Amino acid sequence: MKERFETWLAPQNDERREVAPLRQLGWAFLLAWVFCVFYTNAAGVLSGDEIPGGGGAAAGAPSGPSSMGAALFYAVLPLAASVAPLAAIVLAEPRIGSPTSHRPLFVVAPALTAASTPFMFVSVADPGLNAALFGIGAVATGIGSALLWAMWGEYYAVIPRDRSEWLPVSAVSAAVIVLLVSAMDGWVPVAVAAALPLLSGLCFHLVWTPEAARTEEALATAHRFAAERRSPLAGLGRTGVGILVVFSIVSIAGMMSAERVEGIPLQAILLFSALMMAVVAAMAISGPRRISLFFLYRWICPTLVIGFAAVILFGQAGALVAVAASLGGRFTFCLIAQIYFANYAAAGRATPAQASSLGWLFVHAGDLLGLVLWIVFEPLMLAQPAGLTAVSVGCIVVLVTVTMAVMGETSTFLRIPEAAKDRPHAHEKGLVSESLDVHGAMDQPGTPQPDAPAPAAAPTSATPSDERSGARIDEIAREAGLTPREAEVFALLAQGRSIPYIRDELIISRETAATHAKHIYAKLGVHSRQELIDLVRQ
């Protein structure tokens, strides 16, 4: 039995690994850890004592310290300790390699995060010792979790996009885990929270195969060898600023309640978050399997507006609605960081490690900005009878403005090159991004790029069969007199893509995509997609 179990878990056995949803579980464990330690009070009670930082500094100003300096220390240090290593990964990755290229980090990152988690919850009588223990825990968990986020980001950058978009299911699992932890007492929730990074690290070890490592290296090498060298920030446009600002508003919404949210109210909010992410997951998976920033903004903006509206109408009595909107928003924006920046790497705008680190850097920096603004201006705001109302109105105005600005940014809809076609064996293993071509990873739609030297022995470069197929598609398109847009639709149809997929890939309406397909069928003299595919394969 033991041998059979070990064989089933063996990283080399790709087929069996796919049966067990290890990538969904691994990401869910890490996301649940963040919410247990920073974003909720799920693990916030130790033998009835108040915990410095109130269940994580990111959840709000601590209830124990009275001075603004102490509040800033307990609130800011954990987030700053996460932002710093993420920025270091972005800057140092070209010289020292990605976290996954250093195998000891597979053990060090989860072990460091797990071992330092209890320090975030230790409460002792001496204020100096209390601060020192909390500081050790904050710095160590910041470094360890940053490495884990970057590593999982690398993995999601090298698997097919349709599989990465099952992440809402992981978010539902994470919310359920946090809900279970919130029902525990004493040291038990802290012990469970500390075990979550270890479980996440184990899942990552099992899914990170040599094939995944080679694919990641091909992506990173293609980006580094591109003729036009650009900063990883160059392709973000207004998107990064939008995530930073909106997440700061999410942070402010989470601090609207004057009291720490725990017990039954917290569990009700967690249940709401799980249901919200379940609906998002159902919409994403049953639709065209394409999650863009626009898709997720559609969910978070109305939710936040409702939360702030409750505060405007009912004052402190409506603050619980704002906290619920904040927690649901955090889950939503964590999906943005993982999915959008995985596609950001696949589009060749940064290496996988850089792209993932950028995503979480903007999320944590936004959270940090919201915390600082709240702690600094809270005394002034509470001194005014309509202080909460004014803040809520201001947040709604900023939220709507930023959302409109981000939605007008073309980089919101990442267009990923589709030159790597028909890799059935790699796709069956789920290790190669279906959107990647290392020879053209830096290509942007409609923008000619100089040829980039291909990395040596890149495992994801197009095969001769791929090149012949692409040449055949171009030849048929010219002979049939297809327009440029029809040629794009034709290339996707030849890969067996659906009309909903083509709609989102080319950012056109479903009717337009269907009309192009109808014209293509007429010009080619075919009557079905299979006939079209057979024509290309002749």
Foldseek 3Di string as FASTA:
>chain_A
DVVVVCVLLALVPLVSLVVDPLLLLLVLLLVLLCCQQAQACLVQAAPNDGFQCNSHLLLAFGPPDDDLVSSCLRNQLLLVLQLVVLVVCQVCCVPPNALVVDVVLLVQLLLQLLVLLVLRGDDDDDPVVNSVSNNSSSNSNSNSSNNLLLLSLLQLLFFALLVLLLNLVSLLSSLVVSLVSLPDDHCVSSNSSSCSSVSSSSSSVSNCDPLLVLQLVQLQVLLVQFPDHDRLCVLCPLPLVLLLQLLLLLSLLSHQAPDRDGDPLVSVLSVVLSVLSVVLSCCCNVFQVDDFPVSLLVSLLVQQLVLLVQCLVPNNVSSSSSSSSSVSNVSSLVSCLRSLLSLSSQLSSHRSSSSSSSSVSSNSNSSSVSRVVCSVCVVVLVVDPCSSNVVSVVSSVVNVVSVVVLVPDPSSQPQAAQLQADPVVCNVSRNGYNRHASQCSNDDPPDDGDGGDRDPPRVRHHDPVSVLLVVLLVVLCVVLVPDPVLSVLLVCLLRVRDLSNNCSNVVHDSVVSVVSVVVVCVSNVHDDSVVSNVSSVD
